[in-house]
């Protein structure tokens, strides 16, 4: 591995971590395009497998801070994660059978859709004390399970952590506040990322040296992003809209470059 590739991998990891620190999610959706177009990974499937390992590791690191702050709904996370793991396992197996160029095209279209959805105004969830108990299970389980299964399938198919899908999914299913949904989502991101990573690793589709560089860069980027996010806390909405614009732009580039000529 030459110096340029090492530098590109560290830079990609740092950028992913920076985005995670600034807006609390979404960095994983940039991982595959960065590995393909910046780092130069030739195989789309190898990029997906490598990104999945790095995303899972970075999510676990970020989860520690949220757990210490009491912003994780563990029971809701557990149910969502179990359903999501089943979906991710199916999605990963199907994703490996799809042609790499077609997978990139679909991934680009997903990025555009996600970016557009991020521009929609959010409403504050009115259920800060939501808990999964025997009394609430009849209401919450029929929502958590199908949404978790669907999100997990998408995460496995595209090899992404799915935080940008998990957060709104948790809010939709439980009406928990956004800050709790972000913290809780990291449990699910870790589980889904690990499931997808295991599937690709067993198929020999993980570049472990690149994974280590992504994680190293991600740690530094996350620390910088959190610090910068505290200074720009009053402009979080502007940051999220800016990130949505980046996602749409990158998704458009990925889609156009993947079209058959």
Protein backbone atom coordinates (compact mmCIF):
# COMPACT_ATOMS: atom_id res chain seq x y z
CA UNK A 1 0.00 0.00 0.00
CA UNK A 2 1.58 3.29 -1.11
CA UNK A 3 1.65 6.57 0.81
CA UNK A 4 -1.05 8.15 -1.34
CA UNK A 5 -3.50 5.34 -0.59
CA UNK A 6 -2.70 5.47 3.12
CA UNK A 7 -3.25 9.22 3.17
CA UNK A 8 -6.51 8.91 1.23
CA UNK A 9 -7.82 6.21 3.58
CA UNK A 10 -6.96 8.25 6.68
CA UNK A 11 -8.57 11.31 5.10
CA UNK A 12 -11.71 9.37 4.19
CA UNK A 13 -12.00 8.04 7.73
CA UNK A 14 -11.48 11.51 9.17
CA UNK A 15 -14.17 12.98 6.92
CA UNK A 16 -16.64 10.26 7.90
CA UNK A 17 -15.88 10.82 11.58
CA UNK A 18 -16.11 14.60 11.20
CA UNK A 19 -19.60 14.33 9.71
CA UNK A 20 -20.68 11.94 12.47
CA UNK A 21 -19.42 14.34 15.12
CA UNK A 22 -21.05 17.37 13.54
CA UNK A 23 -24.53 16.12 12.66
CA UNK A 24 -24.83 12.95 14.73
CA UNK A 25 -25.12 10.52 11.84
CA UNK A 26 -24.93 10.07 8.11
CA UNK A 27 -21.17 9.61 7.84
CA UNK A 28 -21.52 5.98 6.82
CA UNK A 29 -23.40 6.84 3.64
CA UNK A 30 -20.26 8.57 2.39
CA UNK A 31 -17.97 5.64 3.16
CA UNK A 32 -18.55 3.56 0.03
CA UNK A 33 -18.22 6.46 -2.47
CA UNK A 34 -15.08 7.66 -0.67
CA UNK A 35 -13.51 4.20 -0.81
CA UNK A 36 -14.35 3.78 -4.49
CA UNK A 37 -13.58 7.26 -5.82
CA UNK A 38 -11.03 8.70 -3.35
CA UNK A 39 -9.13 5.70 -2.01
CA UNK A 40 -9.42 3.77 -5.27
CA UNK A 41 -10.88 0.45 -4.13
CA UNK A 42 -11.58 -1.35 -7.41
CA UNK A 43 -14.34 -3.66 -6.20
CA UNK A 44 -17.66 -2.18 -5.08
CA UNK A 45 -18.29 -5.25 -2.95
CA UNK A 46 -14.89 -4.97 -1.24
CA UNK A 47 -15.64 -1.28 -0.55
CA UNK A 48 -18.98 -2.23 1.01
CA UNK A 49 -17.44 -4.92 3.22
CA UNK A 50 -14.58 -2.68 4.34
CA UNK A 51 -16.92 0.23 5.06
CA UNK A 52 -19.22 -2.01 7.12
CA UNK A 53 -16.43 -3.03 9.50
CA UNK A 54 -15.26 0.55 9.98
CA UNK A 55 -18.79 1.88 10.47
CA UNK A 56 -19.55 -0.73 13.14
CA UNK A 57 -16.34 0.04 15.04
CA UNK A 58 -16.86 3.81 14.91
CA UNK A 59 -20.48 3.44 16.04
CA UNK A 60 -19.38 1.43 19.08
CA UNK A 61 -16.89 4.14 19.99
CA UNK A 62 -19.55 6.85 19.67
CA UNK A 63 -22.07 4.80 21.65
CA UNK A 64 -19.96 5.04 24.82
CA UNK A 65 -20.50 8.78 25.17
CA UNK A 66 -24.25 8.57 24.53
CA UNK A 67 -24.64 5.69 26.98
CA UNK A 68 -22.83 7.65 29.69
CA UNK A 69 -25.20 10.55 29.04
CA UNK A 70 -28.24 8.30 29.48
CA UNK A 71 -29.45 8.84 25.91
CA UNK A 72 -29.93 5.18 24.96
CA UNK A 73 -33.25 3.31 25.13
CA UNK A 74 -31.76 -0.16 25.43
CA UNK A 75 -34.90 -2.29 25.13
CA UNK A 76 -36.15 -0.44 22.06
CA UNK A 77 -32.66 -0.71 20.60
CA UNK A 78 -32.55 -4.44 21.28
CA UNK A 79 -35.82 -5.20 19.50
CA UNK A 80 -34.96 -2.93 16.57
CA UNK A 81 -31.49 -4.47 16.32
CA UNK A 82 -32.73 -8.09 16.36
CA UNK A 83 -35.21 -7.35 13.58
CA UNK A 84 -32.56 -5.34 11.75
CA UNK A 85 -29.96 -8.11 11.96
CA UNK A 86 -32.34 -10.51 10.22
CA UNK A 87 -32.96 -7.94 7.49
CA UNK A 88 -29.26 -7.08 7.18
CA UNK A 89 -28.26 -10.72 6.75
CA UNK A 90 -30.76 -11.11 3.89
CA UNK A 91 -29.79 -7.77 2.36
CA UNK A 92 -26.07 -8.51 2.45
CA UNK A 93 -26.49 -11.86 0.70
CA UNK A 94 -28.65 -10.29 -2.00
CA UNK A 95 -26.28 -7.33 -2.39
CA UNK A 96 -23.33 -9.62 -3.10
CA UNK A 97 -25.25 -11.17 -5.99
CA UNK A 98 -25.91 -7.83 -7.69
CA UNK A 99 -23.50 -6.44 -10.29
CA UNK A 100 -21.15 -3.85 -8.81
CA UNK A 101 -22.04 -1.05 -11.27
CA UNK A 102 -25.75 -1.60 -10.76
CA UNK A 103 -25.24 -1.60 -7.00
CA UNK A 104 -23.44 1.75 -7.23
CA UNK A 105 -26.28 3.17 -9.33
CA UNK A 106 -28.88 2.07 -6.79
CA UNK A 107 -26.69 3.40 -3.99
CA UNK A 108 -26.44 6.79 -5.68
CA UNK A 109 -30.21 6.97 -6.10
CA UNK A 110 -30.65 6.09 -2.42
CA UNK A 111 -28.26 8.90 -1.46
CA UNK A 112 -30.31 11.40 -3.45
CA UNK A 113 -33.53 10.21 -1.80
CA UNK A 114 -31.99 10.38 1.67
CA UNK A 115 -30.56 13.85 1.06
CA UNK A 116 -33.94 15.14 -0.06
CA UNK A 117 -35.63 13.59 2.98
CA UNK A 118 -33.11 15.32 5.27
CA UNK A 119 -34.24 18.68 3.92
CA UNK A 120 -37.75 18.10 5.20
CA UNK A 121 -38.49 19.90 8.49
CA UNK A 122 -38.50 17.65 11.55
CA UNK A 123 -41.07 17.69 14.30
CA UNK A 124 -40.04 17.23 17.91
CA UNK A 125 -41.30 13.91 19.24
CA UNK A 126 -43.68 14.39 22.19
CA UNK A 127 -42.80 11.17 24.09
CA UNK A 128 -39.56 11.73 26.04
CA UNK A 129 -40.32 8.96 28.58
CA UNK A 130 -41.08 6.19 26.08
CA UNK A 131 -40.26 2.76 27.49
CA UNK A 132 -40.73 -0.76 26.18
CA UNK A 133 -42.67 -2.54 28.92
CA UNK A 134 -45.34 -5.23 29.10
CA UNK A 135 -47.97 -2.50 28.94
CA UNK A 136 -46.47 -0.71 25.92
CA UNK A 137 -45.26 -3.81 24.04
CA UNK A 138 -48.57 -4.23 22.23
CA UNK A 139 -48.16 -0.78 20.71
CA UNK A 140 -44.40 -0.57 20.20
CA UNK A 141 -43.49 -4.07 18.96
CA UNK A 142 -45.75 -3.99 15.86
CA UNK A 143 -43.95 -0.78 14.89
CA UNK A 144 -40.37 -1.58 15.89
CA UNK A 145 -40.15 -5.02 14.26
CA UNK A 146 -41.26 -4.26 10.65
CA UNK A 147 -39.42 -0.93 10.55
CA UNK A 148 -36.27 -2.57 11.95
CA UNK A 149 -36.51 -5.39 9.40
CA UNK A 150 -36.85 -2.95 6.49
CA UNK A 151 -34.04 -0.68 7.65
CA UNK A 152 -31.80 -3.67 8.30
CA UNK A 153 -32.38 -5.02 4.79
CA UNK A 154 -31.37 -1.67 3.25
CA UNK A 155 -28.30 -1.46 5.51
CA UNK A 156 -27.16 -4.94 4.55
CA UNK A 157 -27.90 -4.55 0.84
CA UNK A 158 -25.93 -1.31 0.50
CA UNK A 159 -23.35 -2.04 3.21
CA UNK A 160 -24.14 1.06 5.26
CA UNK A 161 -24.63 1.63 8.97
CA UNK A 162 -28.10 2.98 8.28
CA UNK A 163 -28.07 5.67 10.98
CA UNK A 164 -29.82 8.10 8.66
CA UNK A 165 -32.62 5.52 8.30
CA UNK A 166 -32.57 4.17 11.86
CA UNK A 167 -33.00 7.54 13.55
CA UNK A 168 -36.23 8.51 11.74
CA UNK A 169 -37.35 4.87 12.01
CA UNK A 170 -37.03 4.94 15.80
CA UNK A 171 -38.82 8.29 16.00
CA UNK A 172 -41.63 6.95 13.80
CA UNK A 173 -41.98 3.75 15.81
CA UNK A 174 -41.69 5.16 19.33
CA UNK A 175 -41.94 8.98 19.10
CA UNK A 176 -38.78 9.27 21.23
CA UNK A 177 -36.92 12.61 21.10
CA UNK A 178 -34.26 13.05 18.42
CA UNK A 179 -31.31 13.06 20.84
CA UNK A 180 -32.46 9.73 22.30
CA UNK A 181 -33.04 8.33 18.81
CA UNK A 182 -29.47 9.25 17.82
CA UNK A 183 -27.99 7.57 20.89
CA UNK A 184 -30.22 4.51 20.57
CA UNK A 185 -29.48 4.22 16.85
CA UNK A 186 -25.80 3.63 17.54
CA UNK A 187 -26.64 0.29 19.16
CA UNK A 188 -28.46 -0.72 15.99
CA UNK A 189 -25.77 0.70 13.68
CA UNK A 190 -23.15 -1.38 15.50
CA UNK A 191 -25.24 -4.54 15.22
CA UNK A 192 -26.19 -4.06 11.56
CA UNK A 193 -22.67 -3.05 10.58
CA UNK A 194 -21.25 -6.13 12.30
CA UNK A 195 -23.79 -8.40 10.56
CA UNK A 196 -23.00 -6.98 7.14
CA UNK A 197 -19.25 -7.01 7.87
CA UNK A 198 -19.34 -10.67 8.93
CA UNK A 199 -21.17 -11.66 5.76
CA UNK A 200 -18.66 -9.88 3.53
CA UNK A 201 -15.65 -11.00 5.60
CA UNK A 202 -16.66 -14.65 5.22
CA UNK A 203 -16.67 -14.04 1.46
CA UNK A 204 -13.19 -12.48 1.60
CA UNK A 205 -14.52 -9.03 0.72
CA UNK A 206 -12.93 -6.95 3.50
CA UNK A 207 -9.65 -5.08 3.08
CA UNK A 208 -8.38 -5.20 6.67
CA UNK A 209 -5.44 -2.77 6.34
CA UNK A 210 -7.78 -0.17 4.84
CA UNK A 211 -10.30 -0.86 7.61
CA UNK A 212 -7.69 -0.07 10.27
CA UNK A 213 -6.81 3.19 8.53
CA UNK A 214 -10.48 4.18 8.24
CA UNK A 215 -11.04 3.54 11.93
CA UNK A 216 -7.91 5.49 12.91
CA UNK A 217 -8.94 8.43 10.77
CA UNK A 218 -12.51 8.15 12.03
CA UNK A 219 -11.49 8.47 15.67
CA UNK A 220 -9.61 11.69 14.98
CA UNK A 221 -12.41 13.04 12.79
CA UNK A 222 -15.10 12.26 15.35
CA UNK A 223 -13.23 14.09 18.11
CA UNK A 224 -12.77 17.11 15.87
CA UNK A 225 -16.41 16.99 14.76
CA UNK A 226 -17.76 16.85 18.31
CA UNK A 227 -15.57 19.78 19.34
CA UNK A 228 -16.60 21.82 16.30
CA UNK A 229 -20.23 20.81 16.77
CA UNK A 230 -20.25 22.28 20.28
CA UNK A 231 -19.04 25.62 18.91
CA UNK A 232 -21.58 25.58 16.09
CA UNK A 233 -24.43 24.10 18.15
CA UNK A 234 -26.74 27.01 17.37
CA UNK A 235 -26.30 26.34 13.65
CA UNK A 236 -26.99 22.60 13.76
CA UNK A 237 -29.91 23.00 11.34
CA UNK A 238 -27.66 24.77 8.85
CA UNK A 239 -25.04 22.04 9.18
CA UNK A 240 -27.63 19.32 8.56
CA UNK A 241 -28.94 21.09 5.47
CA UNK A 242 -25.40 21.53 4.19
CA UNK A 243 -24.70 17.85 4.73
CA UNK A 244 -27.95 16.98 2.91
CA UNK A 245 -26.72 19.01 -0.05
CA UNK A 246 -23.40 17.13 -0.04
CA UNK A 247 -25.21 13.78 0.06
CA UNK A 248 -27.40 14.79 -2.90
CA UNK A 249 -24.40 16.03 -4.88
CA UNK A 250 -22.32 12.89 -4.21
CA UNK A 251 -25.32 10.67 -4.94
CA UNK A 252 -25.88 12.43 -8.26
CA UNK A 253 -22.22 11.96 -9.20
CA UNK A 254 -22.28 8.27 -8.22
CA UNK A 255 -25.49 7.68 -10.19
CA UNK A 256 -24.32 9.45 -13.33
CA UNK A 257 -20.92 7.76 -13.28
CA UNK A 258 -22.57 4.37 -12.91
CA UNK A 259 -24.92 4.73 -15.88
CA UNK A 260 -24.14 2.40 -18.80
CA UNK A 261 -22.85 4.17 -21.90
